[in-house]
C-alpha atoms as a PDB file:
ATOM      1  CA  UNK A   1      39.444 284.371   2.661  1.00  0.00           C
ATOM      2  CA  UNK A   2      37.153 281.866   4.386  1.00  0.00           C
ATOM      3  CA  UNK A   3      36.605 284.292   7.262  1.00  0.00           C
ATOM      4  CA  UNK A   4      36.266 287.271   4.909  1.00  0.00           C
ATOM      5  CA  UNK A   5      32.492 287.445   4.580  1.00  0.00           C
ATOM      6  CA  UNK A   6      30.536 287.946   1.383  1.00  0.00           C
ATOM      7  CA  UNK A   7      29.345 291.445   2.316  1.00  0.00           C
ATOM      8  CA  UNK A   8      32.898 292.835   2.833  1.00  0.00           C
ATOM      9  CA  UNK A   9      33.950 291.202  -0.439  1.00  0.00           C
ATOM     10  CA  UNK A  10      31.065 292.853  -2.292  1.00  0.00           C
ATOM     11  CA  UNK A  11      31.817 296.287  -0.812  1.00  0.00           C
ATOM     12  CA  UNK A  12      35.524 295.845  -1.575  1.00  0.00           C
ATOM     13  CA  UNK A  13      34.667 294.768  -5.128  1.00  0.00           C
ATOM     14  CA  UNK A  14      32.643 297.956  -5.665  1.00  0.00           C
ATOM     15  CA  UNK A  15      35.513 300.156  -4.437  1.00  0.00           C
ATOM     16  CA  UNK A  16      38.203 298.308  -6.405  1.00  0.00           C
ATOM     17  CA  UNK A  17      36.003 298.286  -9.497  1.00  0.00           C
ATOM     18  CA  UNK A  18      35.608 302.064  -9.420  1.00  0.00           C
ATOM     19  CA  UNK A  19      39.375 302.516  -8.978  1.00  0.00           C
ATOM     20  CA  UNK A  20      40.232 300.067 -11.768  1.00  0.00           C
ATOM     21  CA  UNK A  21      37.852 301.816 -14.127  1.00  0.00           C
ATOM     22  CA  UNK A  22      39.641 305.117 -13.569  1.00  0.00           C
ATOM     23  CA  UNK A  23      43.192 303.895 -14.236  1.00  0.00           C
ATOM     24  CA  UNK A  24      43.009 300.672 -16.266  1.00  0.00           C
ATOM     25  CA  UNK A  25      43.296 300.642 -20.079  1.00  0.00           C
ATOM     26  CA  UNK A  26      40.266 299.843 -22.196  1.00  0.00           C
ATOM     27  CA  UNK A  27      41.399 296.292 -22.945  1.00  0.00           C
ATOM     28  CA  UNK A  28      41.551 295.450 -19.235  1.00  0.00           C
ATOM     29  CA  UNK A  29      38.021 296.702 -18.677  1.00  0.00           C
ATOM     30  CA  UNK A  30      36.888 294.781 -21.767  1.00  0.00           C
ATOM     31  CA  UNK A  31      38.319 291.617 -20.204  1.00  0.00           C
ATOM     32  CA  UNK A  32      36.109 292.235 -17.169  1.00  0.00           C
ATOM     33  CA  UNK A  33      33.174 293.034 -19.461  1.00  0.00           C
ATOM     34  CA  UNK A  34      33.733 289.701 -21.216  1.00  0.00           C
ATOM     35  CA  UNK A  35      33.687 287.898 -17.874  1.00  0.00           C
ATOM     36  CA  UNK A  36      30.509 289.755 -16.910  1.00  0.00           C
ATOM     37  CA  UNK A  37      28.839 288.713 -20.146  1.00  0.00           C
ATOM     38  CA  UNK A  38      29.746 285.059 -19.649  1.00  0.00           C
ATOM     39  CA  UNK A  39      28.804 285.071 -15.971  1.00  0.00           C
ATOM     40  CA  UNK A  40      25.544 286.902 -16.630  1.00  0.00           C
ATOM     41  CA  UNK A  41      24.576 284.434 -19.356  1.00  0.00           C
ATOM     42  CA  UNK A  42      25.403 281.540 -17.033  1.00  0.00           C
ATOM     43  CA  UNK A  43      23.180 283.054 -14.355  1.00  0.00           C
ATOM     44  CA  UNK A  44      20.354 283.352 -16.853  1.00  0.00           C
ATOM     45  CA  UNK A  45      20.806 279.678 -17.712  1.00  0.00           C
ATOM     46  CA  UNK A  46      21.033 278.398 -14.136  1.00  0.00           C
ATOM     47  CA  UNK A  47      18.206 280.418 -12.517  1.00  0.00           C
ATOM     48  CA  UNK A  48      15.340 278.200 -13.801  1.00  0.00           C
ATOM     49  CA  UNK A  49      17.298 275.161 -12.613  1.00  0.00           C
ATOM     50  CA  UNK A  50      17.772 276.783  -9.191  1.00  0.00           C
ATOM     51  CA  UNK A  51      14.030 277.379  -8.968  1.00  0.00           C
ATOM     52  CA  UNK A  52      13.221 273.772  -9.843  1.00  0.00           C
ATOM     53  CA  UNK A  53      16.077 272.391  -7.754  1.00  0.00           C
ATOM     54  CA  UNK A  54      14.931 274.043  -4.538  1.00  0.00           C
ATOM     55  CA  UNK A  55      11.179 274.531  -4.780  1.00  0.00           C
ATOM     56  CA  UNK A  56      10.228 271.076  -6.095  1.00  0.00           C
ATOM     57  CA  UNK A  57      12.065 268.991  -3.456  1.00  0.00           C
ATOM     58  CA  UNK A  58      11.108 271.510  -0.781  1.00  0.00           C
ATOM     59  CA  UNK A  59       7.414 270.959  -1.498  1.00  0.00           C
ATOM     60  CA  UNK A  60       7.925 267.204  -1.874  1.00  0.00           C
ATOM     61  CA  UNK A  61       9.635 266.906   1.515  1.00  0.00           C
ATOM     62  CA  UNK A  62       6.884 268.847   3.236  1.00  0.00           C
ATOM     63  CA  UNK A  63       4.448 266.089   2.336  1.00  0.00           C
ATOM     64  CA  UNK A  64       0.885 266.498   3.575  1.00  0.00           C
ATOM     65  CA  UNK A  65      -0.220 270.116   3.824  1.00  0.00           C
ATOM     66  CA  UNK A  66       2.133 271.365   1.120  1.00  0.00           C
ATOM     67  CA  UNK A  67      -0.767 272.676  -0.974  1.00  0.00           C
ATOM     68  CA  UNK A  68      -2.108 274.774   1.889  1.00  0.00           C
ATOM     69  CA  UNK A  69       1.332 276.166   2.680  1.00  0.00           C
ATOM     70  CA  UNK A  70       1.822 276.946  -1.010  1.00  0.00           C
ATOM     71  CA  UNK A  71      -1.378 279.005  -1.013  1.00  0.00           C
ATOM     72  CA  UNK A  72      -0.385 280.897   2.140  1.00  0.00           C
ATOM     73  CA  UNK A  73       3.103 281.634   0.802  1.00  0.00           C
ATOM     74  CA  UNK A  74       1.766 282.806  -2.566  1.00  0.00           C
ATOM     75  CA  UNK A  75      -0.760 285.015  -0.798  1.00  0.00           C
ATOM     76  CA  UNK A  76       1.907 286.710   1.310  1.00  0.00           C
ATOM     77  CA  UNK A  77       4.151 287.132  -1.733  1.00  0.00           C
ATOM     78  CA  UNK A  78       1.461 288.783  -3.850  1.00  0.00           C
ATOM     79  CA  UNK A  79       0.276 290.977  -0.973  1.00  0.00           C
ATOM     80  CA  UNK A  80       3.839 292.179  -0.434  1.00  0.00           C
ATOM     81  CA  UNK A  81       4.213 292.831  -4.167  1.00  0.00           C
ATOM     82  CA  UNK A  82       1.002 294.866  -4.291  1.00  0.00           C
ATOM     83  CA  UNK A  83       2.014 296.974  -1.281  1.00  0.00           C
ATOM     84  CA  UNK A  84       5.488 297.609  -2.721  1.00  0.00           C
ATOM     85  CA  UNK A  85       4.005 298.473  -6.117  1.00  0.00           C
ATOM     86  CA  UNK A  86       1.548 300.966  -4.650  1.00  0.00           C
ATOM     87  CA  UNK A  87       4.282 302.534  -2.518  1.00  0.00           C
ATOM     88  CA  UNK A  88       6.528 302.939  -5.567  1.00  0.00           C
ATOM     89  CA  UNK A  89       3.675 304.292  -7.713  1.00  0.00           C
ATOM     90  CA  UNK A  90       2.660 307.016  -5.276  1.00  0.00           C
ATOM     91  CA  UNK A  91       6.285 307.953  -4.580  1.00  0.00           C
ATOM     92  CA  UNK A  92       7.005 308.235  -8.308  1.00  0.00           C
ATOM     93  CA  UNK A  93       3.826 310.210  -8.972  1.00  0.00           C
ATOM     94  CA  UNK A  94       4.162 312.663  -6.095  1.00  0.00           C
ATOM     95  CA  UNK A  95       7.888 313.061  -5.416  1.00  0.00           C
ATOM     96  CA  UNK A  96       9.818 312.278  -8.610  1.00  0.00           C
ATOM     97  CA  UNK A  97       8.509 315.150 -10.788  1.00  0.00           C
ATOM     98  CA  UNK A  98       9.734 317.728  -8.293  1.00  0.00           C
ATOM     99  CA  UNK A  99      13.188 316.245  -7.673  1.00  0.00           C
ATOM    100  CA  UNK A 100      13.859 315.785 -11.400  1.00  0.00           C
ATOM    101  CA  UNK A 101      13.256 319.441 -12.170  1.00  0.00           C
ATOM    102  CA  UNK A 102      16.396 321.184 -13.451  1.00  0.00           C
ATOM    103  CA  UNK A 103      16.013 324.956 -13.832  1.00  0.00           C
ATOM    104  CA  UNK A 104      12.269 324.544 -13.989  1.00  0.00           C
ATOM    105  CA  UNK A 105      12.427 321.956 -16.784  1.00  0.00           C
ATOM    106  CA  UNK A 106      11.907 318.248 -16.345  1.00  0.00           C
ATOM    107  CA  UNK A 107      15.268 316.682 -17.229  1.00  0.00           C
ATOM    108  CA  UNK A 108      15.625 313.897 -19.780  1.00  0.00           C
ATOM    109  CA  UNK A 109      18.547 311.498 -19.700  1.00  0.00           C
ATOM    110  CA  UNK A 110      20.286 309.194 -22.131  1.00  0.00           C
ATOM    111  CA  UNK A 111      20.697 305.491 -21.528  1.00  0.00           C
ATOM    112  CA  UNK A 112      23.890 305.165 -19.406  1.00  0.00           C
ATOM    113  CA  UNK A 113      24.581 301.695 -20.835  1.00  0.00           C
ATOM    114  CA  UNK A 114      25.415 303.209 -24.225  1.00  0.00           C
ATOM    115  CA  UNK A 115      28.791 304.423 -22.918  1.00  0.00           C
ATOM    116  CA  UNK A 116      29.888 301.064 -21.509  1.00  0.00           C
ATOM    117  CA  UNK A 117      32.590 298.974 -23.172  1.00  0.00           C
ATOM    118  CA  UNK A 118      31.446 295.797 -24.885  1.00  0.00           C
ATOM    119  CA  UNK A 119      32.972 292.364 -24.340  1.00  0.00           C
ATOM    120  CA  UNK A 120      35.525 290.756 -26.655  1.00  0.00           C
ATOM    121  CA  UNK A 121      33.098 287.929 -27.391  1.00  0.00           C
ATOM    122  CA  UNK A 122      29.901 286.400 -26.093  1.00  0.00           C
ATOM    123  CA  UNK A 123      28.747 282.826 -25.569  1.00  0.00           C
ATOM    124  CA  UNK A 124      25.001 282.379 -25.672  1.00  0.00           C
ATOM    125  CA  UNK A 125      23.595 280.220 -22.876  1.00  0.00           C
ATOM    126  CA  UNK A 126      19.826 280.254 -23.380  1.00  0.00           C
ATOM    127  CA  UNK A 127      17.822 278.983 -20.434  1.00  0.00           C
ATOM    128  CA  UNK A 128      15.984 275.709 -20.974  1.00  0.00           C
ATOM    129  CA  UNK A 129      12.779 277.483 -19.916  1.00  0.00           C
ATOM    130  CA  UNK A 130      11.548 280.798 -18.563  1.00  0.00           C
ATOM    131  CA  UNK A 131      11.297 281.652 -14.881  1.00  0.00           C
ATOM    132  CA  UNK A 132       7.504 281.340 -14.787  1.00  0.00           C
ATOM    133  CA  UNK A 133       7.662 277.985 -16.580  1.00  0.00           C
ATOM    134  CA  UNK A 134      10.225 276.814 -14.022  1.00  0.00           C
ATOM    135  CA  UNK A 135       7.955 277.907 -11.172  1.00  0.00           C
ATOM    136  CA  UNK A 136       4.952 276.089 -12.626  1.00  0.00           C
ATOM    137  CA  UNK A 137       7.001 272.931 -13.257  1.00  0.00           C
ATOM    138  CA  UNK A 138       8.458 273.060  -9.736  1.00  0.00           C
ATOM    139  CA  UNK A 139       4.983 273.370  -8.202  1.00  0.00           C
ATOM    140  CA  UNK A 140       3.629 270.528 -10.359  1.00  0.00           C
ATOM    141  CA  UNK A 141       6.535 268.228  -9.519  1.00  0.00           C
ATOM    142  CA  UNK A 142       6.479 269.036  -5.814  1.00  0.00           C
ATOM    143  CA  UNK A 143       2.723 268.736  -5.360  1.00  0.00           C
ATOM    144  CA  UNK A 144       2.558 265.719  -7.674  1.00  0.00           C
ATOM    145  CA  UNK A 145       5.134 263.829  -5.645  1.00  0.00           C
ATOM    146  CA  UNK A 146       3.217 264.497  -2.423  1.00  0.00           C
ATOM    147  CA  UNK A 147       0.012 263.173  -4.006  1.00  0.00           C
ATOM    148  CA  UNK A 148       1.454 259.949  -5.456  1.00  0.00           C
ATOM    149  CA  UNK A 149       3.928 259.531  -2.580  1.00  0.00           C
ATOM    150  CA  UNK A 150       6.752 259.041  -5.067  1.00  0.00           C
ATOM    151  CA  UNK A 151       9.766 258.228  -2.914  1.00  0.00           C
ATOM    152  CA  UNK A 152      12.003 257.550  -5.922  1.00  0.00           C
ATOM    153  CA  UNK A 153      11.201 260.859  -7.595  1.00  0.00           C
ATOM    154  CA  UNK A 154      11.630 262.663  -4.276  1.00  0.00           C
ATOM    155  CA  UNK A 155      15.116 261.182  -3.986  1.00  0.00           C
ATOM    156  CA  UNK A 156      15.929 262.328  -7.536  1.00  0.00           C
ATOM    157  CA  UNK A 157      14.746 265.868  -6.767  1.00  0.00           C
ATOM    158  CA  UNK A 158      16.745 265.986  -3.524  1.00  0.00           C
ATOM    159  CA  UNK A 159      19.906 264.804  -5.295  1.00  0.00           C
ATOM    160  CA  UNK A 160      19.330 267.357  -8.060  1.00  0.00           C
ATOM    161  CA  UNK A 161      19.098 270.005  -5.344  1.00  0.00           C
ATOM    162  CA  UNK A 162      22.484 268.848  -4.071  1.00  0.00           C
ATOM    163  CA  UNK A 163      23.980 269.477  -7.519  1.00  0.00           C
ATOM    164  CA  UNK A 164      22.499 272.974  -7.643  1.00  0.00           C
ATOM    165  CA  UNK A 165      23.792 273.714  -4.136  1.00  0.00           C
ATOM    166  CA  UNK A 166      27.307 272.778  -5.275  1.00  0.00           C
ATOM    167  CA  UNK A 167      26.992 275.089  -8.279  1.00  0.00           C
ATOM    168  CA  UNK A 168      25.963 277.950  -5.998  1.00  0.00           C
ATOM    169  CA  UNK A 169      28.658 277.432  -3.361  1.00  0.00           C
ATOM    170  CA  UNK A 170      31.523 276.526  -5.717  1.00  0.00           C
ATOM    171  CA  UNK A 171      30.850 278.804  -8.694  1.00  0.00           C
ATOM    172  CA  UNK A 172      28.261 281.542  -8.225  1.00  0.00           C
ATOM    173  CA  UNK A 173      29.084 282.823  -4.734  1.00  0.00           C
ATOM    174  CA  UNK A 174      32.904 282.929  -5.218  1.00  0.00           C
ATOM    175  CA  UNK A 175      32.649 284.648  -8.625  1.00  0.00           C
ATOM    176  CA  UNK A 176      29.903 287.114  -7.699  1.00  0.00           C
ATOM    177  CA  UNK A 177      32.274 289.786  -6.253  1.00  0.00           C
ATOM    178  CA  UNK A 178      34.299 289.678  -9.493  1.00  0.00           C
ATOM    179  CA  UNK A 179      31.077 290.180 -11.439  1.00  0.00           C
ATOM    180  CA  UNK A 180      30.219 293.237  -9.339  1.00  0.00           C
ATOM    181  CA  UNK A 181      33.794 294.519  -9.679  1.00  0.00           C
ATOM    182  CA  UNK A 182      33.482 294.310 -13.462  1.00  0.00           C
ATOM    183  CA  UNK A 183      30.183 296.177 -13.489  1.00  0.00           C
ATOM    184  CA  UNK A 184      31.577 299.108 -11.521  1.00  0.00           C
ATOM    185  CA  UNK A 185      34.880 299.123 -13.430  1.00  0.00           C
ATOM    186  CA  UNK A 186      32.976 299.489 -16.700  1.00  0.00           C
ATOM    187  CA  UNK A 187      30.732 302.201 -15.294  1.00  0.00           C
ATOM    188  CA  UNK A 188      33.716 304.062 -13.849  1.00  0.00           C
ATOM    189  CA  UNK A 189      35.711 303.806 -17.089  1.00  0.00           C
ATOM    190  CA  UNK A 190      32.804 305.285 -19.018  1.00  0.00           C
ATOM    191  CA  UNK A 191      32.403 308.073 -16.467  1.00  0.00           C
ATOM    192  CA  UNK A 192      28.968 306.758 -15.615  1.00  0.00           C
ATOM    193  CA  UNK A 193      29.528 306.382 -11.870  1.00  0.00           C
ATOM    194  CA  UNK A 194      29.907 310.126 -11.305  1.00  0.00           C
ATOM    195  CA  UNK A 195      27.190 310.966 -13.829  1.00  0.00           C
ATOM    196  CA  UNK A 196      24.677 308.551 -12.433  1.00  0.00           C
ATOM    197  CA  UNK A 197      25.377 309.481  -8.825  1.00  0.00           C
ATOM    198  CA  UNK A 198      25.293 313.241  -9.492  1.00  0.00           C
ATOM    199  CA  UNK A 199      22.207 313.255 -11.695  1.00  0.00           C
ATOM    200  CA  UNK A 200      20.263 310.578  -9.887  1.00  0.00           C
ATOM    201  CA  UNK A 201      21.498 311.178  -6.344  1.00  0.00           C
ATOM    202  CA  UNK A 202      18.094 312.340  -5.113  1.00  0.00           C
ATOM    203  CA  UNK A 203      16.317 309.551  -6.952  1.00  0.00           C
ATOM    204  CA  UNK A 204      18.781 307.015  -5.598  1.00  0.00           C
ATOM    205  CA  UNK A 205      18.302 308.234  -2.035  1.00  0.00           C
ATOM    206  CA  UNK A 206      14.528 308.019  -2.426  1.00  0.00           C
ATOM    207  CA  UNK A 207      14.830 304.481  -3.785  1.00  0.00           C
ATOM    208  CA  UNK A 208      16.947 303.471  -0.784  1.00  0.00           C
ATOM    209  CA  UNK A 209      14.421 305.056   1.585  1.00  0.00           C
ATOM    210  CA  UNK A 210      11.591 303.114  -0.085  1.00  0.00           C
ATOM    211  CA  UNK A 211      13.685 299.946   0.186  1.00  0.00           C
ATOM    212  CA  UNK A 212      14.191 300.523   3.895  1.00  0.00           C
ATOM    213  CA  UNK A 213      10.501 301.250   4.478  1.00  0.00           C
ATOM    214  CA  UNK A 214       9.425 298.076   2.701  1.00  0.00           C
ATOM    215  CA  UNK A 215      12.103 295.929   4.308  1.00  0.00           C
ATOM    216  CA  UNK A 216      11.206 297.298   7.747  1.00  0.00           C
ATOM    217  CA  UNK A 217       7.552 296.372   7.222  1.00  0.00           C
ATOM    218  CA  UNK A 218       8.392 292.887   5.982  1.00  0.00           C
ATOM    219  CA  UNK A 219      10.981 292.015   8.598  1.00  0.00           C
ATOM    220  CA  UNK A 220       9.017 293.557  11.460  1.00  0.00           C
ATOM    221  CA  UNK A 221       6.000 291.460  10.521  1.00  0.00           C
ATOM    222  CA  UNK A 222       8.149 288.354  10.130  1.00  0.00           C
ATOM    223  CA  UNK A 223       9.936 289.046  13.404  1.00  0.00           C
ATOM    224  CA  UNK A 224       6.646 289.400  15.277  1.00  0.00           C
ATOM    225  CA  UNK A 225       5.251 286.179  13.812  1.00  0.00           C
ATOM    226  CA  UNK A 226       8.443 284.207  14.478  1.00  0.00           C
ATOM    227  CA  UNK A 227       9.396 285.981  17.737  1.00  0.00           C
ATOM    228  CA  UNK A 228      12.789 287.009  16.383  1.00  0.00           C
ATOM    229  CA  UNK A 229      14.673 290.292  16.329  1.00  0.00           C
ATOM    230  CA  UNK A 230      13.953 291.973  12.945  1.00  0.00           C
ATOM    231  CA  UNK A 231      17.242 293.888  13.065  1.00  0.00           C
ATOM    232  CA  UNK A 232      19.257 290.680  13.369  1.00  0.00           C
ATOM    233  CA  UNK A 233      17.287 289.165  10.503  1.00  0.00           C
ATOM    234  CA  UNK A 234      17.971 292.210   8.309  1.00  0.00           C
ATOM    235  CA  UNK A 235      21.650 292.082   9.272  1.00  0.00           C
ATOM    236  CA  UNK A 236      21.824 288.511   8.070  1.00  0.00           C
ATOM    237  CA  UNK A 237      20.405 289.471   4.668  1.00  0.00           C
ATOM    238  CA  UNK A 238      22.687 292.467   4.025  1.00  0.00           C
ATOM    239  CA  UNK A 239      24.911 290.547   1.556  1.00  0.00           C
ATOM    240  CA  UNK A 240      21.846 289.792  -0.562  1.00  0.00           C
ATOM    241  CA  UNK A 241      20.742 293.425  -0.423  1.00  0.00           C
ATOM    242  CA  UNK A 242      24.151 294.754  -1.464  1.00  0.00           C
ATOM    243  CA  UNK A 243      24.312 292.176  -4.237  1.00  0.00           C
ATOM    244  CA  UNK A 244      20.985 293.403  -5.583  1.00  0.00           C
ATOM    245  CA  UNK A 245      22.099 297.007  -5.195  1.00  0.00           C
ATOM    246  CA  UNK A 246      25.398 296.424  -6.966  1.00  0.00           C
ATOM    247  CA  UNK A 247      24.209 294.234  -9.824  1.00  0.00           C
ATOM    248  CA  UNK A 248      20.620 295.471 -10.225  1.00  0.00           C
ATOM    249  CA  UNK A 249      19.915 291.853 -11.102  1.00  0.00           C
ATOM    250  CA  UNK A 250      17.469 289.538  -9.381  1.00  0.00           C
ATOM    251  CA  UNK A 251      19.189 286.595 -11.072  1.00  0.00           C
ATOM    252  CA  UNK A 252      22.485 287.463  -9.392  1.00  0.00           C
ATOM    253  CA  UNK A 253      20.775 287.935  -6.040  1.00  0.00           C
ATOM    254  CA  UNK A 254      18.792 284.693  -5.798  1.00  0.00           C
ATOM    255  CA  UNK A 255      21.748 282.443  -4.827  1.00  0.00           C
ATOM    256  CA  UNK A 256      22.937 284.935  -2.206  1.00  0.00           C
ATOM    257  CA  UNK A 257      19.425 285.231  -0.768  1.00  0.00           C
ATOM    258  CA  UNK A 258      19.213 281.463  -0.483  1.00  0.00           C
ATOM    259  CA  UNK A 259      22.638 281.221   1.153  1.00  0.00           C
ATOM    260  CA  UNK A 260      21.891 283.901   3.744  1.00  0.00           C
ATOM    261  CA  UNK A 261      18.396 282.604   4.467  1.00  0.00           C
ATOM    262  CA  UNK A 262      19.762 279.138   5.102  1.00  0.00           C
ATOM    263  CA  UNK A 263      22.476 280.564   7.342  1.00  0.00           C
ATOM    264  CA  UNK A 264      20.404 283.041   9.361  1.00  0.00           C
ATOM    265  CA  UNK A 265      16.743 282.066   9.243  1.00  0.00           C
ATOM    266  CA  UNK A 266      15.859 278.432   8.603  1.00  0.00           C
ATOM    267  CA  UNK A 267      19.070 276.543   9.222  1.00  0.00           C
ATOM    268  CA  UNK A 268      17.225 273.908  11.287  1.00  0.00           C
ATOM    269  CA  UNK A 269      14.295 273.524   8.872  1.00  0.00           C
ATOM    270  CA  UNK A 270      15.680 272.840   5.369  1.00  0.00           C
ATOM    271  CA  UNK A 271      12.351 271.699   3.814  1.00  0.00           C
ATOM    272  CA  UNK A 272      10.663 274.939   4.860  1.00  0.00           C
ATOM    273  CA  UNK A 273      13.650 276.897   3.603  1.00  0.00           C
ATOM    274  CA  UNK A 274      13.581 275.351   0.131  1.00  0.00           C
ATOM    275  CA  UNK A 275       9.807 275.808  -0.119  1.00  0.00           C
ATOM    276  CA  UNK A 276       9.750 279.454   0.898  1.00  0.00           C
ATOM    277  CA  UNK A 277      12.708 280.173  -1.338  1.00  0.00           C
END
C-alpha cells in the first residue's frame, strides 16, 4: 500500500464507491454515511488548526522580509481569485443558459442531496474559530514573532506544526479515500450519480474546461517564474485536484494540497512552503 499512490487510491475509491452503492443494502451505505459525517466534522474542526499550524511558523521562520512576502503572496492570491471569478461569471452568463435548455425551456432541478441516506448518528465537532479568524491569528502570530524575535514562541509554533503534520499523515490522508468512497456510494445508492452525470454532463464538462484553463494559466506563470516544467508541476498536484473533484470540499483538499506541494514543489524550502500554503 505504501507504493500505491494517493491518486490511484482516490480513483479506485470512486469506482468502488459507485459499485457498492448499486449492490449494498441501505444499512451498509448508512455506515459509510456515518463515517463521512464524523470525518467531515473532524475536517471542519482541524482546518483552522492546520491554517495556524502551518502559516504562523512559516512566517516566523522567514524572519526579516516576511511582511513584504505576505503582501506579494496576498496580491497574487487575490489577482488569481478575481481572474477566476470573472472567467466563471462570463462563462455562466454566456454559455450556461444555452446548454441548460431542454426542449426550449430552461430546466430546473431539485437538490440532489435530498435523496442521500443520512447517518446513524452525528458527533458535533465545532471549530474553535472560523477560517478567516484562523488566517488573521496566524498572520498576527507569525509577523509578531518576527518583530519581537521570539525564539521561544517560534519553537512552540514549530512543534505545534509537527503535531498537525502527524494528524495529516496518520489520520487525514489514509482515511480520505474512504471518505470519497462513502460519498460516491451514497450518491450511487440514491441514483444520483447517473442523474447528475446525465443532466449536468455539459455543465460538468464546461467546469472541467474552466478548471484546466485556469490551472494552465497559473502553472504556466509559475513555471516561467521558477524555470520549471508546468506539466510536471500539474502532474504532482493531480491527487489534490481529484480530491477536490471527488469531495467538492476545500477542507478535504487542503491537507492533500500541502502534502503534494511539499513533495513536488518546495521540498528543499520548508519555510517558504508553509508560508505560501
